[in-house]
Amino acid sequence: MFYTIADDLIFYQILSFVKKYQNFELKLRDYFYSRTDGIYPEFIVVINQFIFFFVKKKNYFNSKMHLNAMRREITQRKILIIRVERILLNLLFSFFPDLNIDTIKIESNNKSGIREISIYFLFRNERGIAIGRNGDYIKAVNEIFKKYVVFENRNSPLQVKCRYKE
């Protein structure tokens, strides 16, 4: 992956997160703590059928061991455990941990003129996994960036697109 200096300014900027808890998220926090033997998530985001538990890097693998059990208990929602990353590029990789990402680029949308982050996958089926059924997963990721991620540089592209490298 080759980046320009302008891309580096975007990809390596520092992020922070907006933590908003309602009663349901507080119950999920206690549930996660009890299921993972004492690991508190940094924050929780519930979007449509997805529950995102964001955990510190040091707790990621320990909490990931309990993921299948949590998915069996909470069957009506899709549960994901994401590493909290303070750098945009690392956070993008955290949202797609088991997929083969070829390239991540900053591109301009020809129709709207808005700059967007394009993630290129090597295989068509992995792009499909990244997008999710009916585009639900990538929509949820974009909503997280829109509502819960605060960029150091406010002029950052907030739209993430998944593409297939042809």
N, C-alpha and C. Protein backbone atom coordinates (compact mmCIF):
# COMPACT_ATOMS: atom_id res chain seq x y z
N MET A 1 0.84 -1.18 0.00
CA MET A 1 0.00 0.00 0.00
C MET A 1 0.88 1.24 0.00
N PHE A 2 0.68 2.10 -0.97
CA PHE A 2 1.41 3.35 -1.06
C PHE A 2 0.46 4.50 -0.83
N TYR A 3 0.86 5.39 0.06
CA TYR A 3 0.02 6.52 0.40
C TYR A 3 0.77 7.81 0.10
N THR A 4 0.00 8.83 -0.20
CA THR A 4 0.59 10.15 -0.33
C THR A 4 0.67 10.78 1.06
N ILE A 5 1.33 11.89 1.15
CA ILE A 5 1.42 12.59 2.44
C ILE A 5 0.04 13.02 2.90
N ALA A 6 -0.80 13.46 1.98
CA ALA A 6 -2.17 13.86 2.34
C ALA A 6 -2.96 12.67 2.88
N ASP A 7 -2.76 11.50 2.27
CA ASP A 7 -3.43 10.29 2.76
C ASP A 7 -2.94 9.95 4.17
N ASP A 8 -1.63 10.07 4.39
CA ASP A 8 -1.08 9.78 5.71
C ASP A 8 -1.69 10.67 6.78
N LEU A 9 -1.92 11.94 6.44
CA LEU A 9 -2.53 12.85 7.41
C LEU A 9 -3.92 12.38 7.81
N ILE A 10 -4.61 11.75 6.89
CA ILE A 10 -5.95 11.23 7.18
C ILE A 10 -5.86 9.90 7.90
N PHE A 11 -5.10 8.96 7.34
CA PHE A 11 -5.06 7.60 7.88
C PHE A 11 -4.42 7.51 9.27
N TYR A 12 -3.48 8.38 9.58
CA TYR A 12 -2.76 8.28 10.84
C TYR A 12 -3.16 9.34 11.86
N GLN A 13 -4.34 9.91 11.68
CA GLN A 13 -4.79 10.87 12.67
C GLN A 13 -5.34 10.16 13.90
N ILE A 14 -5.33 10.88 14.98
CA ILE A 14 -5.78 10.33 16.26
C ILE A 14 -7.30 10.41 16.34
N LEU A 15 -7.91 9.34 16.85
CA LEU A 15 -9.36 9.27 16.99
C LEU A 15 -9.73 9.24 18.46
N SER A 16 -10.92 9.68 18.74
CA SER A 16 -11.53 9.47 20.05
C SER A 16 -12.96 9.02 19.80
N PHE A 17 -13.61 8.55 20.85
CA PHE A 17 -14.92 7.95 20.69
C PHE A 17 -15.94 8.61 21.60
N VAL A 18 -17.15 8.76 21.10
CA VAL A 18 -18.25 9.30 21.86
C VAL A 18 -18.94 8.12 22.54
N LYS A 19 -19.00 8.18 23.86
CA LYS A 19 -19.60 7.09 24.61
C LYS A 19 -20.98 7.52 25.08
N LYS A 20 -21.99 6.89 24.51
CA LYS A 20 -23.37 7.16 24.91
C LYS A 20 -23.98 5.86 25.41
N TYR A 21 -24.42 5.86 26.66
CA TYR A 21 -25.02 4.65 27.21
C TYR A 21 -26.47 4.89 27.58
N GLN A 22 -27.30 3.98 27.14
CA GLN A 22 -28.67 3.93 27.60
C GLN A 22 -28.80 2.68 28.46
N ASN A 23 -29.98 2.42 29.00
CA ASN A 23 -30.14 1.28 29.89
C ASN A 23 -29.76 -0.04 29.22
N PHE A 24 -30.13 -0.21 27.96
CA PHE A 24 -29.81 -1.45 27.27
C PHE A 24 -28.30 -1.66 27.17
N GLU A 25 -27.55 -0.60 26.84
CA GLU A 25 -26.11 -0.71 26.75
C GLU A 25 -25.48 -1.00 28.11
N LEU A 26 -26.04 -0.42 29.17
CA LEU A 26 -25.53 -0.71 30.52
C LEU A 26 -25.75 -2.18 30.89
N LYS A 27 -26.89 -2.73 30.50
CA LYS A 27 -27.14 -4.16 30.74
C LYS A 27 -26.17 -5.01 29.92
N LEU A 28 -25.91 -4.60 28.69
CA LEU A 28 -24.96 -5.33 27.86
C LEU A 28 -23.54 -5.25 28.45
N ARG A 29 -23.20 -4.12 29.02
CA ARG A 29 -21.88 -3.96 29.64
C ARG A 29 -21.71 -4.94 30.79
N ASP A 30 -22.73 -5.05 31.64
CA ASP A 30 -22.68 -6.01 32.75
C ASP A 30 -22.67 -7.45 32.24
N TYR A 31 -23.44 -7.71 31.21
CA TYR A 31 -23.47 -9.04 30.61
C TYR A 31 -22.09 -9.42 30.07
N PHE A 32 -21.46 -8.50 29.35
CA PHE A 32 -20.14 -8.75 28.77
C PHE A 32 -19.12 -9.01 29.88
N TYR A 33 -19.18 -8.22 30.93
CA TYR A 33 -18.27 -8.38 32.07
C TYR A 33 -18.41 -9.77 32.70
N SER A 34 -19.64 -10.21 32.87
CA SER A 34 -19.86 -11.52 33.50
C SER A 34 -19.47 -12.67 32.57
N ARG A 35 -19.70 -12.53 31.26
CA ARG A 35 -19.38 -13.60 30.31
C ARG A 35 -17.88 -13.71 30.03
N THR A 36 -17.14 -12.62 30.14
CA THR A 36 -15.73 -12.63 29.79
C THR A 36 -14.82 -12.69 31.01
N ASP A 37 -15.36 -13.05 32.13
CA ASP A 37 -14.57 -13.20 33.36
C ASP A 37 -13.86 -11.93 33.78
N GLY A 38 -14.59 -10.82 33.76
CA GLY A 38 -14.06 -9.59 34.32
C GLY A 38 -13.48 -8.58 33.36
N ILE A 39 -13.84 -8.64 32.09
CA ILE A 39 -13.38 -7.65 31.12
C ILE A 39 -14.52 -6.68 30.85
N TYR A 40 -14.27 -5.41 31.10
CA TYR A 40 -15.25 -4.38 30.75
C TYR A 40 -14.96 -3.87 29.34
N PRO A 41 -15.99 -3.74 28.51
CA PRO A 41 -15.75 -3.12 27.20
C PRO A 41 -15.53 -1.62 27.38
N GLU A 42 -14.74 -1.05 26.49
CA GLU A 42 -14.48 0.39 26.52
C GLU A 42 -15.76 1.15 26.20
N PHE A 43 -16.49 0.70 25.21
CA PHE A 43 -17.82 1.23 24.93
C PHE A 43 -18.57 0.25 24.06
N ILE A 44 -19.86 0.47 23.97
CA ILE A 44 -20.78 -0.44 23.27
C ILE A 44 -21.62 0.38 22.32
N VAL A 45 -21.80 -0.13 21.10
CA VAL A 45 -22.66 0.51 20.12
C VAL A 45 -23.65 -0.52 19.63
N VAL A 46 -24.93 -0.18 19.69
CA VAL A 46 -25.99 -1.04 19.16
C VAL A 46 -26.60 -0.33 17.96
N ILE A 47 -26.48 -0.98 16.80
CA ILE A 47 -27.04 -0.43 15.57
C ILE A 47 -27.82 -1.54 14.88
N ASN A 48 -29.11 -1.33 14.75
CA ASN A 48 -30.00 -2.32 14.13
C ASN A 48 -29.78 -3.69 14.76
N GLN A 49 -29.36 -4.70 13.96
CA GLN A 49 -29.21 -6.04 14.52
C GLN A 49 -27.79 -6.28 15.05
N PHE A 50 -26.91 -5.29 15.03
CA PHE A 50 -25.52 -5.47 15.44
C PHE A 50 -25.28 -4.91 16.84
N ILE A 51 -24.48 -5.65 17.60
CA ILE A 51 -23.96 -5.16 18.88
C ILE A 51 -22.45 -5.17 18.76
N PHE A 52 -21.84 -3.99 18.84
CA PHE A 52 -20.39 -3.86 18.76
C PHE A 52 -19.85 -3.64 20.17
N PHE A 53 -19.02 -4.55 20.65
CA PHE A 53 -18.31 -4.39 21.91
C PHE A 53 -16.89 -3.97 21.55
N PHE A 54 -16.50 -2.77 21.96
CA PHE A 54 -15.15 -2.29 21.72
C PHE A 54 -14.33 -2.55 22.98
N VAL A 55 -13.21 -3.26 22.81
CA VAL A 55 -12.37 -3.62 23.94
C VAL A 55 -10.94 -3.15 23.69
N LYS A 56 -10.19 -3.03 24.78
CA LYS A 56 -8.78 -2.67 24.67
C LYS A 56 -8.03 -3.78 23.95
N LYS A 57 -6.93 -3.41 23.31
CA LYS A 57 -6.13 -4.39 22.55
C LYS A 57 -5.68 -5.54 23.43
N LYS A 58 -5.29 -5.24 24.66
CA LYS A 58 -4.77 -6.29 25.54
C LYS A 58 -5.86 -7.30 25.95
N ASN A 59 -7.14 -6.90 25.87
CA ASN A 59 -8.24 -7.78 26.24
C ASN A 59 -8.92 -8.44 25.04
N TYR A 60 -8.47 -8.11 23.84
CA TYR A 60 -9.17 -8.56 22.63
C TYR A 60 -9.24 -10.08 22.53
N PHE A 61 -8.11 -10.75 22.62
CA PHE A 61 -8.11 -12.20 22.42
C PHE A 61 -8.80 -12.94 23.56
N ASN A 62 -8.67 -12.44 24.79
CA ASN A 62 -9.37 -13.08 25.91
C ASN A 62 -10.88 -12.96 25.77
N SER A 63 -11.35 -11.81 25.33
CA SER A 63 -12.80 -11.63 25.17
C SER A 63 -13.31 -12.35 23.92
N LYS A 64 -12.48 -12.45 22.89
CA LYS A 64 -12.88 -13.12 21.65
C LYS A 64 -13.14 -14.61 21.89
N MET A 65 -12.48 -15.19 22.89
CA MET A 65 -12.71 -16.60 23.23
C MET A 65 -14.15 -16.86 23.64
N HIS A 66 -14.83 -15.87 24.16
CA HIS A 66 -16.20 -16.01 24.65
C HIS A 66 -17.25 -15.61 23.63
N LEU A 67 -16.82 -15.21 22.44
CA LEU A 67 -17.73 -14.69 21.43
C LEU A 67 -18.78 -15.72 20.99
N ASN A 68 -18.38 -16.94 20.72
CA ASN A 68 -19.34 -17.95 20.27
C ASN A 68 -20.41 -18.23 21.32
N ALA A 69 -20.02 -18.27 22.58
CA ALA A 69 -21.00 -18.50 23.65
C ALA A 69 -21.99 -17.34 23.73
N MET A 70 -21.50 -16.12 23.59
CA MET A 70 -22.40 -14.96 23.62
C MET A 70 -23.34 -14.98 22.42
N ARG A 71 -22.84 -15.39 21.26
CA ARG A 71 -23.69 -15.46 20.07
C ARG A 71 -24.78 -16.52 20.22
N ARG A 72 -24.48 -17.60 20.91
CA ARG A 72 -25.50 -18.64 21.16
C ARG A 72 -26.57 -18.14 22.12
N GLU A 73 -26.19 -17.30 23.07
CA GLU A 73 -27.14 -16.80 24.06
C GLU A 73 -28.00 -15.66 23.51
N ILE A 74 -27.41 -14.80 22.72
CA ILE A 74 -28.14 -13.66 22.14
C ILE A 74 -28.27 -13.95 20.65
N THR A 75 -29.31 -14.64 20.27
CA THR A 75 -29.45 -15.10 18.88
C THR A 75 -30.13 -14.07 17.98
N GLN A 76 -30.84 -13.12 18.55
CA GLN A 76 -31.58 -12.17 17.72
C GLN A 76 -30.70 -11.02 17.23
N ARG A 77 -29.46 -10.95 17.67
CA ARG A 77 -28.55 -9.89 17.24
C ARG A 77 -27.21 -10.49 16.85
N LYS A 78 -26.46 -9.76 16.06
CA LYS A 78 -25.12 -10.18 15.66
C LYS A 78 -24.12 -9.46 16.56
N ILE A 79 -23.31 -10.22 17.24
CA ILE A 79 -22.37 -9.67 18.20
C ILE A 79 -20.97 -9.64 17.58
N LEU A 80 -20.31 -8.49 17.73
CA LEU A 80 -18.94 -8.34 17.23
C LEU A 80 -18.08 -7.73 18.32
N ILE A 81 -16.86 -8.20 18.40
CA ILE A 81 -15.88 -7.63 19.32
C ILE A 81 -14.81 -6.96 18.47
N ILE A 82 -14.62 -5.67 18.71
CA ILE A 82 -13.72 -4.83 17.92
C ILE A 82 -12.65 -4.26 18.85
N ARG A 83 -11.40 -4.24 18.38
CA ARG A 83 -10.32 -3.61 19.14
C ARG A 83 -10.47 -2.09 19.06
N VAL A 84 -10.32 -1.43 20.19
CA VAL A 84 -10.31 0.03 20.21
C VAL A 84 -8.96 0.47 19.68
N GLU A 85 -8.98 1.23 18.62
CA GLU A 85 -7.76 1.76 18.01
C GLU A 85 -7.87 3.27 17.96
N ARG A 86 -6.79 3.94 18.24
CA ARG A 86 -6.78 5.41 18.25
C ARG A 86 -6.31 6.00 16.93
N ILE A 87 -5.95 5.14 15.96
CA ILE A 87 -5.50 5.59 14.65
C ILE A 87 -6.48 5.04 13.61
N LEU A 88 -6.92 5.88 12.69
CA LEU A 88 -7.96 5.53 11.73
C LEU A 88 -7.63 4.27 10.95
N LEU A 89 -6.44 4.16 10.40
CA LEU A 89 -6.07 3.00 9.58
C LEU A 89 -6.19 1.71 10.38
N ASN A 90 -5.72 1.71 11.61
CA ASN A 90 -5.82 0.51 12.46
C ASN A 90 -7.27 0.17 12.79
N LEU A 91 -8.09 1.18 12.99
CA LEU A 91 -9.50 0.94 13.29
C LEU A 91 -10.20 0.32 12.08
N LEU A 92 -9.86 0.76 10.88
CA LEU A 92 -10.44 0.17 9.68
C LEU A 92 -10.12 -1.32 9.60
N PHE A 93 -8.88 -1.69 9.89
CA PHE A 93 -8.50 -3.10 9.90
C PHE A 93 -9.23 -3.87 11.01
N SER A 94 -9.52 -3.20 12.12
CA SER A 94 -10.23 -3.86 13.22
C SER A 94 -11.66 -4.24 12.84
N PHE A 95 -12.28 -3.45 12.00
CA PHE A 95 -13.65 -3.76 11.59
C PHE A 95 -13.72 -4.97 10.64
N PHE A 96 -12.60 -5.31 10.01
CA PHE A 96 -12.57 -6.44 9.07
C PHE A 96 -11.40 -7.35 9.43
N PRO A 97 -11.43 -7.99 10.61
CA PRO A 97 -10.24 -8.69 11.12
C PRO A 97 -9.84 -9.95 10.36
N ASP A 98 -10.76 -10.69 9.83
CA ASP A 98 -10.43 -11.98 9.23
C ASP A 98 -10.49 -11.97 7.71
N LEU A 99 -10.49 -10.81 7.11
CA LEU A 99 -10.61 -10.70 5.66
C LEU A 99 -9.29 -10.22 5.06
N ASN A 100 -9.05 -10.61 3.81
CA ASN A 100 -7.83 -10.22 3.11
C ASN A 100 -8.02 -8.88 2.42
N ILE A 101 -7.54 -7.83 3.06
CA ILE A 101 -7.62 -6.49 2.49
C ILE A 101 -6.37 -6.27 1.65
N ASP A 102 -6.57 -5.86 0.41
CA ASP A 102 -5.45 -5.61 -0.49
C ASP A 102 -4.95 -4.18 -0.34
N THR A 103 -5.84 -3.22 -0.45
CA THR A 103 -5.46 -1.81 -0.45
C THR A 103 -6.56 -0.98 0.21
N ILE A 104 -6.14 0.09 0.84
CA ILE A 104 -7.08 1.08 1.35
C ILE A 104 -6.66 2.42 0.76
N LYS A 105 -7.60 3.08 0.09
CA LYS A 105 -7.28 4.34 -0.60
C LYS A 105 -8.30 5.42 -0.25
N ILE A 106 -7.87 6.64 -0.40
CA ILE A 106 -8.77 7.79 -0.33
C ILE A 106 -9.12 8.13 -1.77
N GLU A 107 -10.40 8.12 -2.10
CA GLU A 107 -10.85 8.41 -3.46
C GLU A 107 -11.98 9.42 -3.41
N SER A 108 -12.20 10.08 -4.54
CA SER A 108 -13.33 11.01 -4.65
C SER A 108 -14.45 10.33 -5.39
N ASN A 109 -15.66 10.49 -4.89
CA ASN A 109 -16.84 9.98 -5.56
C ASN A 109 -17.14 10.91 -6.73
N ASN A 110 -17.21 10.37 -7.93
CA ASN A 110 -17.41 11.20 -9.12
C ASN A 110 -18.76 11.91 -9.13
N LYS A 111 -19.78 11.27 -8.55
CA LYS A 111 -21.13 11.85 -8.56
C LYS A 111 -21.27 12.96 -7.53
N SER A 112 -20.85 12.68 -6.30
CA SER A 112 -21.07 13.66 -5.23
C SER A 112 -19.87 14.55 -4.99
N GLY A 113 -18.67 14.12 -5.42
CA GLY A 113 -17.47 14.90 -5.17
C GLY A 113 -16.93 14.73 -3.76
N ILE A 114 -17.57 13.90 -2.97
CA ILE A 114 -17.14 13.67 -1.59
C ILE A 114 -16.02 12.63 -1.58
N ARG A 115 -15.00 12.89 -0.78
CA ARG A 115 -13.92 11.92 -0.64
C ARG A 115 -14.38 10.78 0.25
N GLU A 116 -13.97 9.57 -0.10
CA GLU A 116 -14.36 8.40 0.66
C GLU A 116 -13.18 7.45 0.81
N ILE A 117 -13.27 6.61 1.80
CA ILE A 117 -12.25 5.59 2.02
C ILE A 117 -12.71 4.34 1.30
N SER A 118 -11.90 3.86 0.36
CA SER A 118 -12.22 2.65 -0.39
C SER A 118 -11.32 1.52 0.10
N ILE A 119 -11.95 0.44 0.53
CA ILE A 119 -11.22 -0.74 0.97
C ILE A 119 -11.35 -1.78 -0.13
N TYR A 120 -10.23 -2.20 -0.68
CA TYR A 120 -10.22 -3.17 -1.78
C TYR A 120 -9.88 -4.55 -1.23
N PHE A 121 -10.73 -5.51 -1.57
CA PHE A 121 -10.54 -6.90 -1.15
C PHE A 121 -10.05 -7.72 -2.33
N LEU A 122 -9.28 -8.75 -2.03
CA LEU A 122 -8.72 -9.60 -3.07
C LEU A 122 -9.77 -10.50 -3.72
N PHE A 123 -10.74 -10.92 -2.93
CA PHE A 123 -11.71 -11.89 -3.42
C PHE A 123 -13.12 -11.31 -3.33
N ARG A 124 -13.91 -11.65 -4.32
CA ARG A 124 -15.28 -11.15 -4.40
C ARG A 124 -16.13 -11.59 -3.19
N ASN A 125 -15.95 -12.83 -2.75
CA ASN A 125 -16.75 -13.30 -1.62
C ASN A 125 -16.37 -12.59 -0.32
N GLU A 126 -15.10 -12.18 -0.18
CA GLU A 126 -14.71 -11.43 1.02
C GLU A 126 -15.30 -10.02 1.01
N ARG A 127 -15.41 -9.44 -0.14
CA ARG A 127 -16.09 -8.15 -0.26
C ARG A 127 -17.53 -8.30 0.19
N GLY A 128 -18.17 -9.40 -0.22
CA GLY A 128 -19.55 -9.66 0.18
C GLY A 128 -19.68 -9.82 1.69
N ILE A 129 -18.72 -10.49 2.31
CA ILE A 129 -18.73 -10.64 3.77
C ILE A 129 -18.57 -9.28 4.43
N ALA A 130 -17.68 -8.45 3.89
CA ALA A 130 -17.42 -7.12 4.45
C ALA A 130 -18.65 -6.22 4.37
N ILE A 131 -19.39 -6.35 3.31
CA ILE A 131 -20.59 -5.52 3.14
C ILE A 131 -21.72 -6.03 4.02
N GLY A 132 -21.86 -7.34 4.08
CA GLY A 132 -22.95 -7.94 4.85
C GLY A 132 -24.20 -8.07 4.01
N ARG A 133 -25.15 -8.82 4.52
CA ARG A 133 -26.40 -9.03 3.81
C ARG A 133 -27.13 -7.69 3.64
N ASN A 134 -27.48 -7.39 2.42
CA ASN A 134 -28.15 -6.14 2.05
C ASN A 134 -27.34 -4.89 2.41
N GLY A 135 -26.03 -5.05 2.57
CA GLY A 135 -25.18 -3.92 2.91
C GLY A 135 -25.30 -3.50 4.36
N ASP A 136 -25.88 -4.34 5.21
CA ASP A 136 -26.14 -3.94 6.60
C ASP A 136 -24.87 -3.68 7.40
N TYR A 137 -23.85 -4.51 7.22
CA TYR A 137 -22.64 -4.34 8.03
C TYR A 137 -21.91 -3.05 7.68
N ILE A 138 -21.69 -2.80 6.41
CA ILE A 138 -20.96 -1.59 6.03
C ILE A 138 -21.77 -0.34 6.39
N LYS A 139 -23.09 -0.42 6.34
CA LYS A 139 -23.92 0.71 6.77
C LYS A 139 -23.73 0.96 8.26
N ALA A 140 -23.65 -0.11 9.05
CA ALA A 140 -23.43 0.03 10.49
C ALA A 140 -22.06 0.63 10.78
N VAL A 141 -21.04 0.19 10.05
CA VAL A 141 -19.69 0.74 10.22
C VAL A 141 -19.69 2.23 9.89
N ASN A 142 -20.34 2.60 8.80
CA ASN A 142 -20.41 4.02 8.43
C ASN A 142 -21.16 4.84 9.47
N GLU A 143 -22.19 4.26 10.05
CA GLU A 143 -22.93 4.97 11.10
C GLU A 143 -22.06 5.17 12.35
N ILE A 144 -21.24 4.18 12.67
CA ILE A 144 -20.32 4.32 13.80
C ILE A 144 -19.36 5.47 13.54
N PHE A 145 -18.80 5.53 12.33
CA PHE A 145 -17.88 6.63 12.01
C PHE A 145 -18.60 7.97 12.05
N LYS A 146 -19.83 7.99 11.65
CA LYS A 146 -20.59 9.24 11.60
C LYS A 146 -20.98 9.75 12.99
N LYS A 147 -21.42 8.83 13.87
CA LYS A 147 -21.98 9.25 15.15
C LYS A 147 -21.06 9.08 16.35
N TYR A 148 -20.13 8.14 16.30
CA TYR A 148 -19.39 7.78 17.52
C TYR A 148 -17.89 7.99 17.44
N VAL A 149 -17.35 8.29 16.27
CA VAL A 149 -15.91 8.50 16.13
C VAL A 149 -15.66 9.98 15.89
N VAL A 150 -14.77 10.54 16.70
CA VAL A 150 -14.40 11.95 16.57
C VAL A 150 -12.99 12.00 15.99
N PHE A 151 -12.84 12.69 14.87
CA PHE A 151 -11.56 12.80 14.19
C PHE A 151 -10.81 14.04 14.68
N GLU A 152 -9.51 13.90 14.80
CA GLU A 152 -8.66 15.03 15.16
C GLU A 152 -8.76 16.11 14.08
N ASN A 153 -8.77 15.67 12.82
CA ASN A 153 -8.90 16.58 11.68
C ASN A 153 -10.34 16.46 11.19
N ARG A 154 -11.12 17.46 11.31
CA ARG A 154 -12.55 17.42 10.97
C ARG A 154 -12.82 17.22 9.48
N ASN A 155 -11.83 17.40 8.62
CA ASN A 155 -12.03 17.29 7.18
C ASN A 155 -11.80 15.87 6.66
N SER A 156 -12.09 14.89 7.45
CA SER A 156 -11.84 13.50 7.07
C SER A 156 -13.03 12.90 6.34
N PRO A 157 -12.73 11.98 5.41
CA PRO A 157 -13.85 11.29 4.75
C PRO A 157 -14.51 10.34 5.74
N LEU A 158 -15.80 10.37 5.80
CA LEU A 158 -16.50 9.52 6.76
C LEU A 158 -17.17 8.33 6.09
N GLN A 159 -17.22 8.31 4.79
CA GLN A 159 -17.90 7.23 4.07
C GLN A 159 -16.88 6.15 3.74
N VAL A 160 -17.17 4.90 4.15
CA VAL A 160 -16.31 3.77 3.85
C VAL A 160 -17.00 2.92 2.81
N LYS A 161 -16.28 2.58 1.75
CA LYS A 161 -16.81 1.74 0.66
C LYS A 161 -15.95 0.49 0.55
N CYS A 162 -16.58 -0.63 0.27
CA CYS A 162 -15.88 -1.88 0.04
C CYS A 162 -15.91 -2.19 -1.45
N ARG A 163 -14.75 -2.50 -1.98
CA ARG A 163 -14.65 -2.75 -3.42
C ARG A 163 -13.86 -4.04 -3.65
N TYR A 164 -14.04 -4.59 -4.83
CA TYR A 164 -13.33 -5.79 -5.25
C TYR A 164 -12.21 -5.38 -6.18
N LYS A 165 -11.00 -5.86 -5.90
CA LYS A 165 -9.85 -5.53 -6.75
C LYS A 165 -9.88 -6.41 -7.98
N GLU A 166 -10.05 -5.80 -9.14
CA GLU A 166 -10.14 -6.56 -10.39
C GLU A 166 -8.82 -6.56 -11.11
